[in-house]
C-alpha atoms as a PDB file:
ATOM      1  CA  MET A   1      82.881 118.546 111.021  1.00  0.00           C
ATOM      2  CA  VAL A   2      82.781 114.783 110.989  1.00  0.00           C
ATOM      3  CA  THR A   3      84.365 112.497 108.421  1.00  0.00           C
ATOM      4  CA  ARG A   4      84.055 108.768 108.241  1.00  0.00           C
ATOM      5  CA  LYS A   5      85.993 107.514 105.214  1.00  0.00           C
ATOM      6  CA  PHE A   6      85.701 104.009 106.694  1.00  0.00           C
ATOM      7  CA  GLY A   7      87.160 101.423 104.339  1.00  0.00           C
ATOM      8  CA  GLU A   8      88.550 104.012 101.928  1.00  0.00           C
ATOM      9  CA  PRO A   9      92.213 103.520 101.017  1.00  0.00           C
ATOM     10  CA  ASP A  10      94.842 105.507 102.875  1.00  0.00           C
ATOM     11  CA  LEU A  11      98.059 106.887 101.349  1.00  0.00           C
ATOM     12  CA  TYR A  12      99.475 103.359 101.118  1.00  0.00           C
ATOM     13  CA  GLY A  13      96.372 101.748  99.583  1.00  0.00           C
ATOM     14  CA  LYS A  14      95.294 100.043 102.825  1.00  0.00           C
ATOM     15  CA  PRO A  15      91.635 100.426 103.880  1.00  0.00           C
ATOM     16  CA  LYS A  16      90.962 102.801 106.792  1.00  0.00           C
ATOM     17  CA  PHE A  17      89.492 101.027 109.815  1.00  0.00           C
ATOM     18  CA  GLY A  18      89.719 103.776 112.383  1.00  0.00           C
ATOM     19  CA  GLY A  19      86.121 104.788 112.855  1.00  0.00           C
ATOM     20  CA  VAL A  20      84.840 108.327 112.703  1.00  0.00           C
ATOM     21  CA  ASP A  21      87.123 111.357 112.752  1.00  0.00           C
ATOM     22  CA  HIS A  22      85.679 114.318 114.621  1.00  0.00           C
ATOM     23  CA  VAL A  23      87.777 116.850 112.704  1.00  0.00           C
ATOM     24  CA  ALA A  24      86.702 119.954 114.640  1.00  0.00           C
ATOM     25  CA  HIS A  25      87.773 118.302 117.906  1.00  0.00           C
ATOM     26  CA  GLU A  26      91.130 117.242 116.487  1.00  0.00           C
ATOM     27  CA  LEU A  27      91.862 120.723 115.141  1.00  0.00           C
ATOM     28  CA  THR A  28      90.883 122.246 118.482  1.00  0.00           C
ATOM     29  CA  CYS A  29      93.226 119.904 120.352  1.00  0.00           C
ATOM     30  CA  ALA A  30      96.102 120.754 118.026  1.00  0.00           C
ATOM     31  CA  SER A  31      95.371 124.469 118.492  1.00  0.00           C
ATOM     32  CA  ALA A  32      95.415 124.098 122.281  1.00  0.00           C
ATOM     33  CA  LEU A  33      98.929 122.648 122.077  1.00  0.00           C
ATOM     34  CA  LEU A  34     100.110 125.584 119.962  1.00  0.00           C
ATOM     35  CA  MET A  35      98.431 128.253 122.124  1.00  0.00           C
ATOM     36  CA  GLY A  36      99.676 126.782 125.353  1.00  0.00           C
ATOM     37  CA  GLN A  37      97.548 126.342 128.420  1.00  0.00           C
ATOM     38  CA  THR A  38      99.378 128.361 131.038  1.00  0.00           C
ATOM     39  CA  SER A  39     101.414 131.525 130.682  1.00  0.00           C
ATOM     40  CA  GLU A  40     102.282 131.440 126.956  1.00  0.00           C
ATOM     41  CA  GLY A  41      99.679 134.122 126.194  1.00  0.00           C
ATOM     42  CA  ILE A  42      99.025 133.177 122.559  1.00  0.00           C
ATOM     43  CA  PRO A  43      95.364 134.212 122.075  1.00  0.00           C
ATOM     44  CA  ALA A  44      94.546 132.423 118.798  1.00  0.00           C
ATOM     45  CA  VAL A  45      95.758 129.916 116.221  1.00  0.00           C
ATOM     46  CA  LEU A  46      95.097 130.352 112.512  1.00  0.00           C
ATOM     47  CA  ILE A  47      94.689 127.113 110.556  1.00  0.00           C
ATOM     48  CA  ARG A  48      95.328 127.559 106.850  1.00  0.00           C
ATOM     49  CA  GLY A  49      94.850 125.205 103.957  1.00  0.00           C
ATOM     50  CA  TYR A  50      92.482 122.733 105.590  1.00  0.00           C
ATOM     51  CA  LYS A  51      89.939 121.589 102.984  1.00  0.00           C
ATOM     52  CA  TYR A  52      86.684 120.102 104.157  1.00  0.00           C
ATOM     53  CA  GLU A  53      83.298 119.219 102.782  1.00  0.00           C
ATOM     54  CA  ARG A  54      80.388 120.810 104.609  1.00  0.00           C
ATOM     55  CA  SER A  55      77.960 118.288 106.073  1.00  0.00           C
ATOM     56  CA  ASP A  56      74.865 118.362 108.252  1.00  0.00           C
ATOM     57  CA  GLU A  57      75.767 114.995 109.755  1.00  0.00           C
ATOM     58  CA  GLY A  58      76.995 114.653 113.298  1.00  0.00           C
ATOM     59  CA  ILE A  59      78.948 111.973 115.085  1.00  0.00           C
ATOM     60  CA  SER A  60      75.751 110.189 116.110  1.00  0.00           C
ATOM     61  CA  ASP A  61      74.825 109.657 112.444  1.00  0.00           C
ATOM     62  CA  TYR A  62      77.518 107.007 112.022  1.00  0.00           C
ATOM     63  CA  GLN A  63      76.848 103.404 112.871  1.00  0.00           C
ATOM     64  CA  LEU A  64      78.804 100.422 111.676  1.00  0.00           C
ATOM     65  CA  LYS A  65      76.883  97.688 109.918  1.00  0.00           C
ATOM     66  CA  PRO A  66      77.677  94.094 110.910  1.00  0.00           C
ATOM     67  CA  GLU A  67      79.393  93.457 107.566  1.00  0.00           C
ATOM     68  CA  ALA A  68      81.725  96.448 108.102  1.00  0.00           C
ATOM     69  CA  ILE A  69      82.596  95.189 111.578  1.00  0.00           C
ATOM     70  CA  ARG A  70      83.352  91.699 110.218  1.00  0.00           C
ATOM     71  CA  THR A  71      85.563  93.186 107.509  1.00  0.00           C
ATOM     72  CA  ALA A  72      87.449  95.335 110.040  1.00  0.00           C
ATOM     73  CA  VAL A  73      88.033  92.442 112.468  1.00  0.00           C
ATOM     74  CA  LYS A  74      89.159  90.196 109.613  1.00  0.00           C
ATOM     75  CA  GLU A  75      91.624  92.814 108.357  1.00  0.00           C
ATOM     76  CA  VAL A  76      93.001  93.480 111.855  1.00  0.00           C
ATOM     77  CA  LEU A  77      93.530  89.751 112.487  1.00  0.00           C
ATOM     78  CA  LYS A  78      95.145  89.241 109.061  1.00  0.00           C
ATOM     79  CA  GLU A  79      97.592  92.118 109.567  1.00  0.00           C
ATOM     80  CA  SER A  80      98.288  91.086 113.180  1.00  0.00           C
ATOM     81  CA  ILE A  81      99.164  87.545 112.103  1.00  0.00           C
ATOM     82  CA  LYS A  82     101.542  88.973 109.477  1.00  0.00           C
ATOM     83  CA  VAL A  83     103.312  91.044 112.119  1.00  0.00           C
ATOM     84  CA  LEU A  84     103.020  88.926 115.269  1.00  0.00           C
ATOM     85  CA  GLY A  85     102.741  85.399 113.857  1.00  0.00           C
ATOM     86  CA  LEU A  86     100.270  82.559 114.087  1.00  0.00           C
ATOM     87  CA  LYS A  87     101.434  81.581 117.597  1.00  0.00           C
ATOM     88  CA  TRP A  88     100.192  84.971 118.816  1.00  0.00           C
ATOM     89  CA  LEU A  89      96.694  84.255 117.459  1.00  0.00           C
ATOM     90  CA  ILE A  90      96.615  80.798 119.011  1.00  0.00           C
ATOM     91  CA  LYS A  91      97.677  82.277 122.364  1.00  0.00           C
ATOM     92  CA  LEU A  92      95.003  84.966 122.039  1.00  0.00           C
ATOM     93  CA  VAL A  93      92.252  82.454 121.251  1.00  0.00           C
ATOM     94  CA  THR A  94      93.256  79.926 123.904  1.00  0.00           C
ATOM     95  CA  GLY A  95      93.828  82.534 126.593  1.00  0.00           C
ATOM     96  CA  GLY A  96      97.559  81.873 126.713  1.00  0.00           C
ATOM     97  CA  VAL A  97      97.132  78.118 127.184  1.00  0.00           C
ATOM     98  CA  CYS A  98      98.942  76.331 124.370  1.00  0.00           C
ATOM     99  CA  SER A  99      99.459  72.568 124.325  1.00  0.00           C
END
Protein backbone atom coordinates (compact mmCIF):
# COMPACT_ATOMS: atom_id res chain seq x y z
CA MET A 1 0.00 0.00 0.00
CA VAL A 2 1.52 3.23 -1.19
CA THR A 3 -0.18 6.61 -1.36
CA ARG A 4 1.25 9.77 -2.78
CA LYS A 5 -1.36 12.53 -2.51
CA PHE A 6 1.44 15.01 -3.25
CA GLY A 7 0.08 18.54 -3.54
CA GLU A 8 -3.42 17.56 -2.43
CA PRO A 9 -4.86 19.73 0.35
CA ASP A 10 -4.62 18.51 3.92
CA LEU A 11 -7.26 19.06 6.63
CA TYR A 12 -6.35 22.75 6.78
CA GLY A 13 -6.35 23.36 3.01
CA LYS A 14 -2.55 23.45 2.73
CA PRO A 15 -0.94 21.33 -0.03
CA LYS A 16 0.83 18.14 1.11
CA PHE A 17 4.56 18.20 0.38
CA GLY A 18 5.66 15.15 2.30
CA GLY A 19 6.48 12.69 -0.43
CA VAL A 20 5.20 9.15 -0.60
CA ASP A 21 3.49 7.42 2.31
CA HIS A 22 4.27 3.73 2.56
CA VAL A 23 1.07 2.94 4.46
CA ALA A 24 1.76 -0.76 5.10
CA HIS A 25 5.08 0.14 6.75
CA GLU A 26 3.50 2.83 8.91
CA LEU A 27 0.72 0.50 10.08
CA THR A 28 3.28 -2.20 10.85
CA CYS A 29 5.36 0.22 12.93
CA ALA A 30 2.30 1.33 14.89
CA SER A 31 1.37 -2.33 15.48
CA ALA A 32 4.87 -3.11 16.77
CA LEU A 33 4.48 -0.38 19.40
CA LEU A 34 1.14 -1.82 20.53
CA MET A 35 2.35 -5.45 20.59
CA GLY A 36 5.53 -4.63 22.43
CA GLN A 37 8.90 -6.01 21.52
CA THR A 38 9.98 -7.80 24.67
CA SER A 39 7.92 -9.62 27.26
CA GLU A 40 4.46 -8.10 26.67
CA GLY A 41 3.29 -11.24 24.86
CA ILE A 42 0.60 -9.61 22.70
CA PRO A 43 0.58 -11.83 19.57
CA ALA A 44 -1.40 -9.64 17.15
CA VAL A 45 -2.94 -6.22 16.58
CA LEU A 46 -6.25 -5.77 14.78
CA ILE A 47 -6.57 -2.55 12.78
CA ARG A 48 -10.18 -1.58 12.14
CA GLY A 49 -11.67 1.12 10.00
CA TYR A 50 -8.69 1.83 7.77
CA LYS A 51 -9.95 2.57 4.25
CA TYR A 52 -7.57 2.21 1.35
CA GLU A 53 -7.66 2.02 -2.40
CA ARG A 54 -6.03 -1.07 -3.87
CA SER A 55 -3.16 -0.29 -6.22
CA ASP A 56 -0.56 -2.24 -8.16
CA GLU A 57 1.94 0.60 -7.79
CA GLY A 58 4.93 0.34 -5.53
CA ILE A 59 7.16 2.92 -3.92
CA SER A 60 9.52 2.88 -6.91
CA ASP A 61 6.70 4.05 -9.20
CA TYR A 62 6.79 7.55 -7.73
CA GLN A 63 9.16 10.16 -9.05
CA LEU A 64 8.87 13.88 -8.61
CA LYS A 65 8.86 16.00 -11.73
CA PRO A 66 11.02 19.14 -11.71
CA GLU A 67 7.93 21.37 -11.57
CA ALA A 68 6.66 19.56 -8.45
CA ILE A 69 10.05 19.97 -6.79
CA ARG A 70 10.10 23.70 -7.61
CA THR A 71 6.59 24.10 -6.20
CA ALA A 72 7.53 22.25 -2.99
CA VAL A 73 10.73 24.27 -2.43
CA LYS A 74 8.86 27.51 -3.11
CA GLU A 75 6.12 26.60 -0.62
CA VAL A 76 8.63 25.55 2.05
CA LEU A 77 10.59 28.81 1.67
CA LYS A 78 7.40 30.91 1.73
CA GLU A 79 6.12 29.25 4.91
CA SER A 80 9.58 29.35 6.53
CA ILE A 81 9.87 33.09 5.90
CA LYS A 82 6.43 33.59 7.48
CA VAL A 83 7.52 31.72 10.59
CA LEU A 84 11.23 32.51 10.86
CA GLY A 85 11.48 35.87 9.08
CA LEU A 86 13.40 37.27 6.16
CA LYS A 87 16.64 37.55 8.17
CA TRP A 88 16.62 33.76 8.48
CA LEU A 89 16.51 33.37 4.69
CA ILE A 90 19.30 35.88 4.18
CA LYS A 91 21.43 34.03 6.75
CA LEU A 92 20.65 30.72 5.04
CA VAL A 93 21.60 32.03 1.59
CA THR A 94 24.75 33.84 2.71
CA GLY A 95 25.94 31.01 4.93
CA GLY A 96 25.47 33.05 8.10
CA VAL A 97 27.51 36.00 6.80
CA CYS A 98 25.34 39.10 6.88
CA SER A 99 26.71 42.59 6.24
